[in-house]
Amino acid sequence: MKKTNAVLAAILAVIFLAVVAVVVHRRLDAAPQPQPQSAAESGARTVDWKTAYREFYANKGYLADVSDGESTPKIALKDMDLDGTPELLLRDPWNAGTFGNGVVYTLSVSGKVISAGISDSYGGQWWPHAISDSSYPGFYTFFWYRGEETETNEMPMHILYYYLENRTLKHTDVASDAQEPERYDRITDDEGLYNAIMNNDVDETISFTECPEPSAEKWNALCAEYGF
């Protein structure tokens, strides 16, 4: 009798455990599953830079920095920090004085077009030069400081190299012909930068172009001309 009761108890225990397992399984199946995080939640950033730049230009977001509202600034694209997304370079169209300047625009983390800073150059319009050495993806301009004068040069010319750091445009004074006109002596501690500019294989300024009608098709074609 005791043996029969023990067997019966064991059978009931097995049945009970089986029922519990089925209930737990059904509850797990019914529980909401974790959903994939959105780009904002995961911290990922997916930015359509072509659309962002096109809309910025079409809406004349540059008026706070360049242009008088009547003349249209010329543009160029250049990836100045080698992150795969180019910066938008705008040349001031109406500066006809001694100095010309241009603005470098980039994208914030959220994808908003922001000004990284203004670059100057001598000669009436802004003429940034690219460097063939990929170690220096920025550009350089020629510039002279008003009022600077030496015994051998009444108006020494400087070479300024502009680059991006944390979405901010910065520059380095690379060289000057202060001692002897047209012979540039190194100022910067970066000898590699100095040599890259002095031995630059690219002897042309960055090509700027008239902005087309800001349709997506024509804007994409313009981006393709710059390799993007």
C-alpha atoms as a PDB file:
ATOM      1  CA  MET A   1       0.000   0.000   0.000  1.00  0.00           C
ATOM      2  CA  LYS A   2       2.775   2.419   0.929  1.00  0.00           C
ATOM      3  CA  LYS A   3       4.607   1.507  -2.272  1.00  0.00           C
ATOM      4  CA  THR A   4       1.473   2.231  -4.350  1.00  0.00           C
ATOM      5  CA  ASN A   5       1.032   5.614  -2.659  1.00  0.00           C
ATOM      6  CA  ALA A   6       4.657   6.520  -3.361  1.00  0.00           C
ATOM      7  CA  VAL A   7       4.310   5.641  -7.051  1.00  0.00           C
ATOM      8  CA  LEU A   8       1.067   7.629  -7.271  1.00  0.00           C
ATOM      9  CA  ALA A   9       2.715  10.622  -5.604  1.00  0.00           C
ATOM     10  CA  ALA A  10       5.613  10.471  -8.050  1.00  0.00           C
ATOM     11  CA  ILE A  11       3.239  10.349 -11.016  1.00  0.00           C
ATOM     12  CA  LEU A  12       1.269  13.332  -9.681  1.00  0.00           C
ATOM     13  CA  ALA A  13       4.508  15.268  -9.186  1.00  0.00           C
ATOM     14  CA  VAL A  14       5.564  14.617 -12.789  1.00  0.00           C
ATOM     15  CA  ILE A  15       2.141  15.729 -14.049  1.00  0.00           C
ATOM     16  CA  PHE A  16       2.315  18.898 -11.901  1.00  0.00           C
ATOM     17  CA  LEU A  17       5.754  19.819 -13.204  1.00  0.00           C
ATOM     18  CA  ALA A  18       4.611  19.246 -16.784  1.00  0.00           C
ATOM     19  CA  VAL A  19       1.619  21.545 -16.280  1.00  0.00           C
ATOM     20  CA  VAL A  20       3.812  24.246 -14.736  1.00  0.00           C
ATOM     21  CA  ALA A  21       6.260  24.029 -17.642  1.00  0.00           C
ATOM     22  CA  VAL A  22       3.426  24.473 -20.172  1.00  0.00           C
ATOM     23  CA  VAL A  23       2.033  27.506 -18.311  1.00  0.00           C
ATOM     24  CA  VAL A  24       5.452  29.161 -18.032  1.00  0.00           C
ATOM     25  CA  HIS A  25       6.158  28.518 -21.719  1.00  0.00           C
ATOM     26  CA  ARG A  26       2.837  30.079 -22.741  1.00  0.00           C
ATOM     27  CA  ARG A  27       3.470  33.144 -20.572  1.00  0.00           C
ATOM     28  CA  LEU A  28       6.922  33.608 -22.077  1.00  0.00           C
ATOM     29  CA  ASP A  29       5.471  33.344 -25.573  1.00  0.00           C
ATOM     30  CA  ALA A  30       2.844  35.954 -24.716  1.00  0.00           C
ATOM     31  CA  ALA A  31       5.319  38.420 -23.166  1.00  0.00           C
ATOM     32  CA  PRO A  32       6.226  41.444 -25.345  1.00  0.00           C
ATOM     33  CA  GLN A  33       9.601  41.008 -27.004  1.00  0.00           C
ATOM     34  CA  PRO A  34      12.282  43.719 -26.810  1.00  0.00           C
ATOM     35  CA  GLN A  35      12.022  46.064 -29.818  1.00  0.00           C
ATOM     36  CA  PRO A  36      15.034  47.231 -31.822  1.00  0.00           C
ATOM     37  CA  GLN A  37      16.280  50.603 -30.645  1.00  0.00           C
ATOM     38  CA  SER A  38      15.689  53.593 -32.814  1.00  0.00           C
ATOM     39  CA  ALA A  39      18.683  55.519 -34.143  1.00  0.00           C
ATOM     40  CA  ALA A  40      18.137  58.180 -31.492  1.00  0.00           C
ATOM     41  CA  GLU A  41      17.895  55.637 -28.662  1.00  0.00           C
ATOM     42  CA  SER A  42      20.967  53.699 -29.714  1.00  0.00           C
ATOM     43  CA  GLY A  43      23.029  56.818 -30.266  1.00  0.00           C
ATOM     44  CA  ALA A  44      23.533  55.989 -33.932  1.00  0.00           C
ATOM     45  CA  ARG A  45      23.429  58.881 -36.408  1.00  0.00           C
ATOM     46  CA  THR A  46      22.109  58.484 -39.911  1.00  0.00           C
ATOM     47  CA  VAL A  47      22.326  61.781 -41.730  1.00  0.00           C
ATOM     48  CA  ASP A  48      21.328  62.491 -45.311  1.00  0.00           C
ATOM     49  CA  TRP A  49      23.956  65.190 -45.795  1.00  0.00           C
ATOM     50  CA  LYS A  50      23.038  65.823 -49.417  1.00  0.00           C
ATOM     51  CA  THR A  51      19.491  66.761 -48.471  1.00  0.00           C
ATOM     52  CA  ALA A  52      20.688  68.760 -45.456  1.00  0.00           C
ATOM     53  CA  TYR A  53      23.088  70.864 -47.539  1.00  0.00           C
ATOM     54  CA  ARG A  54      20.615  71.267 -50.409  1.00  0.00           C
ATOM     55  CA  GLU A  55      17.845  72.531 -48.130  1.00  0.00           C
ATOM     56  CA  PHE A  56      20.279  74.786 -46.268  1.00  0.00           C
ATOM     57  CA  TYR A  57      21.388  76.360 -49.539  1.00  0.00           C
ATOM     58  CA  ALA A  58      17.885  76.611 -50.998  1.00  0.00           C
ATOM     59  CA  ASN A  59      16.665  78.334 -47.827  1.00  0.00           C
ATOM     60  CA  LYS A  60      19.659  80.738 -47.910  1.00  0.00           C
ATOM     61  CA  GLY A  61      20.853  79.663 -44.488  1.00  0.00           C
ATOM     62  CA  TYR A  62      24.191  81.231 -45.360  1.00  0.00           C
ATOM     63  CA  LEU A  63      22.914  84.830 -45.244  1.00  0.00           C
ATOM     64  CA  ALA A  64      24.145  85.284 -41.687  1.00  0.00           C
ATOM     65  CA  ASP A  65      27.708  84.627 -42.879  1.00  0.00           C
ATOM     66  CA  VAL A  66      28.105  85.528 -46.549  1.00  0.00           C
ATOM     67  CA  SER A  67      26.330  87.317 -49.398  1.00  0.00           C
ATOM     68  CA  ASP A  68      24.195  90.418 -49.470  1.00  0.00           C
ATOM     69  CA  GLY A  69      21.075  88.440 -50.263  1.00  0.00           C
ATOM     70  CA  GLU A  70      21.171  89.363 -53.938  1.00  0.00           C
ATOM     71  CA  SER A  71      24.322  87.624 -55.134  1.00  0.00           C
ATOM     72  CA  THR A  72      24.537  83.841 -54.952  1.00  0.00           C
ATOM     73  CA  PRO A  73      27.697  82.387 -53.404  1.00  0.00           C
ATOM     74  CA  LYS A  74      29.617  79.723 -55.302  1.00  0.00           C
ATOM     75  CA  ILE A  75      30.132  76.393 -53.585  1.00  0.00           C
ATOM     76  CA  ALA A  76      32.498  73.452 -53.330  1.00  0.00           C
ATOM     77  CA  LEU A  77      32.564  70.177 -51.397  1.00  0.00           C
ATOM     78  CA  LYS A  78      35.598  68.833 -49.538  1.00  0.00           C
ATOM     79  CA  ASP A  79      35.931  66.220 -46.806  1.00  0.00           C
ATOM     80  CA  MET A  80      38.204  68.103 -44.416  1.00  0.00           C
ATOM     81  CA  ASP A  81      38.306  65.530 -41.613  1.00  0.00           C
ATOM     82  CA  LEU A  82      38.110  62.334 -43.689  1.00  0.00           C
ATOM     83  CA  ASP A  83      34.961  61.081 -41.972  1.00  0.00           C
ATOM     84  CA  GLY A  84      33.237  60.294 -45.267  1.00  0.00           C
ATOM     85  CA  THR A  85      30.914  63.308 -45.153  1.00  0.00           C
ATOM     86  CA  PRO A  86      32.175  66.385 -47.005  1.00  0.00           C
ATOM     87  CA  GLU A  87      32.056  69.919 -45.743  1.00  0.00           C
ATOM     88  CA  LEU A  88      30.205  72.585 -47.712  1.00  0.00           C
ATOM     89  CA  LEU A  89      32.460  75.483 -48.715  1.00  0.00           C
ATOM     90  CA  LEU A  90      30.837  78.786 -49.711  1.00  0.00           C
ATOM     91  CA  ARG A  91      32.720  81.675 -51.284  1.00  0.00           C
ATOM     92  CA  ASP A  92      31.604  85.169 -50.377  1.00  0.00           C
ATOM     93  CA  PRO A  93      30.443  86.559 -53.765  1.00  0.00           C
ATOM     94  CA  TRP A  94      30.467  90.257 -53.064  1.00  0.00           C
ATOM     95  CA  ASN A  95      33.741  90.861 -51.223  1.00  0.00           C
ATOM     96  CA  ALA A  96      35.771  92.809 -53.762  1.00  0.00           C
ATOM     97  CA  GLY A  97      38.202  94.435 -51.350  1.00  0.00           C
ATOM     98  CA  THR A  98      41.738  93.438 -50.451  1.00  0.00           C
ATOM     99  CA  PHE A  99      40.633  90.331 -48.568  1.00  0.00           C
ATOM    100  CA  GLY A 100      38.228  87.635 -49.577  1.00  0.00           C
ATOM    101  CA  ASN A 101      36.670  85.099 -47.283  1.00  0.00           C
ATOM    102  CA  GLY A 102      34.626  81.968 -47.320  1.00  0.00           C
ATOM    103  CA  VAL A 103      32.715  79.877 -44.839  1.00  0.00           C
ATOM    104  CA  VAL A 104      33.088  76.191 -44.087  1.00  0.00           C
ATOM    105  CA  TYR A 105      29.855  74.465 -43.104  1.00  0.00           C
ATOM    106  CA  THR A 106      29.625  71.040 -41.537  1.00  0.00           C
ATOM    107  CA  LEU A 107      27.012  68.893 -39.802  1.00  0.00           C
ATOM    108  CA  SER A 108      26.324  68.730 -36.096  1.00  0.00           C
ATOM    109  CA  VAL A 109      25.769  65.383 -34.366  1.00  0.00           C
ATOM    110  CA  SER A 110      22.026  65.812 -34.914  1.00  0.00           C
ATOM    111  CA  GLY A 111      22.515  66.491 -38.626  1.00  0.00           C
ATOM    112  CA  LYS A 112      21.980  70.259 -38.538  1.00  0.00           C
ATOM    113  CA  VAL A 113      24.102  72.373 -40.894  1.00  0.00           C
ATOM    114  CA  ILE A 114      26.362  74.617 -38.821  1.00  0.00           C
ATOM    115  CA  SER A 115      29.188  77.025 -39.555  1.00  0.00           C
ATOM    116  CA  ALA A 116      32.589  75.643 -38.621  1.00  0.00           C
ATOM    117  CA  GLY A 117      34.201  79.028 -39.161  1.00  0.00           C
ATOM    118  CA  ILE A 118      35.399  81.641 -41.646  1.00  0.00           C
ATOM    119  CA  SER A 119      38.626  81.502 -43.654  1.00  0.00           C
ATOM    120  CA  ASP A 120      40.445  84.476 -45.152  1.00  0.00           C
ATOM    121  CA  SER A 121      42.726  84.949 -48.126  1.00  0.00           C
ATOM    122  CA  TYR A 122      44.394  87.753 -49.994  1.00  0.00           C
ATOM    123  CA  GLY A 123      43.349  88.815 -53.458  1.00  0.00           C
ATOM    124  CA  GLY A 124      39.774  90.106 -53.550  1.00  0.00           C
ATOM    125  CA  GLN A 125      38.172  86.667 -53.504  1.00  0.00           C
ATOM    126  CA  TRP A 126      38.693  83.572 -51.440  1.00  0.00           C
ATOM    127  CA  TRP A 127      41.115  81.120 -53.049  1.00  0.00           C
ATOM    128  CA  PRO A 128      41.668  77.979 -50.927  1.00  0.00           C
ATOM    129  CA  HIS A 129      44.221  75.474 -52.206  1.00  0.00           C
ATOM    130  CA  ALA A 130      43.974  71.707 -51.804  1.00  0.00           C
ATOM    131  CA  ILE A 131      47.029  69.641 -50.817  1.00  0.00           C
ATOM    132  CA  SER A 132      47.934  66.463 -52.682  1.00  0.00           C
ATOM    133  CA  ASP A 133      49.281  64.827 -49.496  1.00  0.00           C
ATOM    134  CA  SER A 134      46.260  63.065 -47.937  1.00  0.00           C
ATOM    135  CA  SER A 135      47.786  63.494 -44.476  1.00  0.00           C
ATOM    136  CA  TYR A 136      46.583  67.095 -44.694  1.00  0.00           C
ATOM    137  CA  PRO A 137      42.967  67.020 -45.927  1.00  0.00           C
ATOM    138  CA  GLY A 138      42.336  70.693 -45.177  1.00  0.00           C
ATOM    139  CA  PHE A 139      43.356  73.568 -47.438  1.00  0.00           C
ATOM    140  CA  TYR A 140      45.705  76.545 -47.381  1.00  0.00           C
ATOM    141  CA  THR A 141      45.372  80.179 -48.395  1.00  0.00           C
ATOM    142  CA  PHE A 142      47.736  83.113 -48.870  1.00  0.00           C
ATOM    143  CA  PHE A 143      47.247  85.957 -46.443  1.00  0.00           C
ATOM    144  CA  TRP A 144      49.013  89.043 -45.217  1.00  0.00           C
ATOM    145  CA  TYR A 145      48.529  90.778 -41.899  1.00  0.00           C
ATOM    146  CA  ARG A 146      47.675  94.433 -42.375  1.00  0.00           C
ATOM    147  CA  GLY A 147      50.404  96.678 -41.012  1.00  0.00           C
ATOM    148  CA  GLU A 148      53.065  93.973 -40.842  1.00  0.00           C
ATOM    149  CA  GLU A 149      56.371  95.121 -42.344  1.00  0.00           C
ATOM    150  CA  THR A 150      59.969  93.947 -42.200  1.00  0.00           C
ATOM    151  CA  GLU A 151      63.270  95.458 -43.310  1.00  0.00           C
ATOM    152  CA  THR A 152      63.286  93.361 -46.480  1.00  0.00           C
ATOM    153  CA  ASN A 153      59.572  93.084 -47.256  1.00  0.00           C
ATOM    154  CA  GLU A 154      56.959  95.802 -47.153  1.00  0.00           C
ATOM    155  CA  MET A 155      54.099  93.305 -47.238  1.00  0.00           C
ATOM    156  CA  PRO A 156      55.159  89.806 -46.205  1.00  0.00           C
ATOM    157  CA  MET A 157      52.798  87.077 -47.348  1.00  0.00           C
ATOM    158  CA  HIS A 158      51.814  84.187 -45.075  1.00  0.00           C
ATOM    159  CA  ILE A 159      50.548  80.723 -45.863  1.00  0.00           C
ATOM    160  CA  LEU A 160      47.739  79.632 -43.543  1.00  0.00           C
ATOM    161  CA  TYR A 161      46.618  76.013 -43.351  1.00  0.00           C
ATOM    162  CA  TYR A 162      42.961  75.480 -42.336  1.00  0.00           C
ATOM    163  CA  TYR A 163      41.676  72.236 -40.848  1.00  0.00           C
ATOM    164  CA  LEU A 164      38.737  70.888 -38.845  1.00  0.00           C
ATOM    165  CA  GLU A 165      38.909  69.868 -35.220  1.00  0.00           C
ATOM    166  CA  ASN A 166      35.717  68.861 -33.418  1.00  0.00           C
ATOM    167  CA  ARG A 167      33.636  70.536 -36.136  1.00  0.00           C
ATOM    168  CA  THR A 168      35.523  73.795 -35.638  1.00  0.00           C
ATOM    169  CA  LEU A 169      37.669  75.443 -38.311  1.00  0.00           C
ATOM    170  CA  LYS A 170      41.191  76.177 -37.099  1.00  0.00           C
ATOM    171  CA  HIS A 171      44.340  77.338 -38.815  1.00  0.00           C
ATOM    172  CA  THR A 172      48.113  77.186 -38.537  1.00  0.00           C
ATOM    173  CA  ASP A 173      50.560  79.822 -39.741  1.00  0.00           C
ATOM    174  CA  VAL A 174      52.784  77.647 -41.915  1.00  0.00           C
ATOM    175  CA  ALA A 175      55.301  79.966 -43.558  1.00  0.00           C
ATOM    176  CA  SER A 176      56.098  83.550 -44.471  1.00  0.00           C
ATOM    177  CA  ASP A 177      58.220  85.371 -47.021  1.00  0.00           C
ATOM    178  CA  ALA A 178      58.997  88.069 -44.453  1.00  0.00           C
ATOM    179  CA  GLN A 179      62.763  87.862 -44.935  1.00  0.00           C
ATOM    180  CA  GLU A 180      62.834  87.541 -48.696  1.00  0.00           C
ATOM    181  CA  PRO A 181      59.813  88.020 -50.967  1.00  0.00           C
ATOM    182  CA  GLU A 182      58.577  84.839 -52.690  1.00  0.00           C
ATOM    183  CA  ARG A 183      60.832  82.602 -50.610  1.00  0.00           C
ATOM    184  CA  TYR A 184      58.738  81.086 -47.851  1.00  0.00           C
ATOM    185  CA  ASP A 185      60.480  80.278 -44.607  1.00  0.00           C
ATOM    186  CA  ARG A 186      58.891  77.771 -42.249  1.00  0.00           C
ATOM    187  CA  ILE A 187      57.034  79.072 -39.207  1.00  0.00           C
ATOM    188  CA  THR A 188      55.113  75.972 -38.141  1.00  0.00           C
ATOM    189  CA  ASP A 189      56.687  73.200 -36.070  1.00  0.00           C
ATOM    190  CA  ASP A 190      55.032  70.698 -38.410  1.00  0.00           C
ATOM    191  CA  GLU A 191      57.779  70.152 -40.950  1.00  0.00           C
ATOM    192  CA  GLY A 192      55.623  67.596 -42.770  1.00  0.00           C
ATOM    193  CA  LEU A 193      52.910  70.185 -43.360  1.00  0.00           C
ATOM    194  CA  TYR A 194      55.433  72.727 -44.596  1.00  0.00           C
ATOM    195  CA  ASN A 195      56.959  70.224 -47.017  1.00  0.00           C
ATOM    196  CA  ALA A 196      53.539  69.072 -48.222  1.00  0.00           C
ATOM    197  CA  ILE A 197      52.650  72.630 -49.205  1.00  0.00           C
ATOM    198  CA  MET A 198      56.034  73.544 -50.634  1.00  0.00           C
ATOM    199  CA  ASN A 199      56.120  70.324 -52.694  1.00  0.00           C
ATOM    200  CA  ASN A 200      52.425  70.282 -53.459  1.00  0.00           C
ATOM    201  CA  ASP A 201      51.574  68.423 -56.666  1.00  0.00           C
ATOM    202  CA  VAL A 202      48.243  70.233 -56.897  1.00  0.00           C
ATOM    203  CA  ASP A 203      48.967  73.731 -58.164  1.00  0.00           C
ATOM    204  CA  GLU A 204      45.345  74.761 -58.547  1.00  0.00           C
ATOM    205  CA  THR A 205      42.767  76.256 -56.246  1.00  0.00           C
ATOM    206  CA  ILE A 206      39.755  74.246 -55.184  1.00  0.00           C
ATOM    207  CA  SER A 207      37.178  74.424 -57.941  1.00  0.00           C
ATOM    208  CA  PHE A 208      34.048  76.386 -57.054  1.00  0.00           C
ATOM    209  CA  THR A 209      30.869  76.265 -59.080  1.00  0.00           C
ATOM    210  CA  GLU A 210      27.556  78.005 -59.466  1.00  0.00           C
ATOM    211  CA  CYS A 211      24.906  76.186 -57.493  1.00  0.00           C
ATOM    212  CA  PRO A 212      22.296  74.608 -59.788  1.00  0.00           C
ATOM    213  CA  GLU A 213      18.582  74.755 -59.316  1.00  0.00           C
ATOM    214  CA  PRO A 214      18.258  73.037 -55.919  1.00  0.00           C
ATOM    215  CA  SER A 215      16.370  70.003 -57.138  1.00  0.00           C
ATOM    216  CA  ALA A 216      17.490  66.674 -55.709  1.00  0.00           C
ATOM    217  CA  GLU A 217      18.550  65.403 -59.132  1.00  0.00           C
ATOM    218  CA  LYS A 218      20.746  68.377 -60.008  1.00  0.00           C
ATOM    219  CA  TRP A 219      22.176  68.623 -56.515  1.00  0.00           C
ATOM    220  CA  ASN A 220      23.144  64.951 -56.569  1.00  0.00           C
ATOM    221  CA  ALA A 221      24.807  65.505 -59.929  1.00  0.00           C
ATOM    222  CA  LEU A 222      26.799  68.383 -58.448  1.00  0.00           C
ATOM    223  CA  CYS A 223      27.893  66.191 -55.536  1.00  0.00           C
ATOM    224  CA  ALA A 224      29.029  63.539 -58.003  1.00  0.00           C
ATOM    225  CA  GLU A 225      31.267  66.116 -59.717  1.00  0.00           C
ATOM    226  CA  TYR A 226      33.160  66.405 -56.421  1.00  0.00           C
ATOM    227  CA  GLY A 227      33.351  62.648 -55.985  1.00  0.00           C
ATOM    228  CA  PHE A 228      30.500  62.194 -53.517  1.00  0.00           C
END
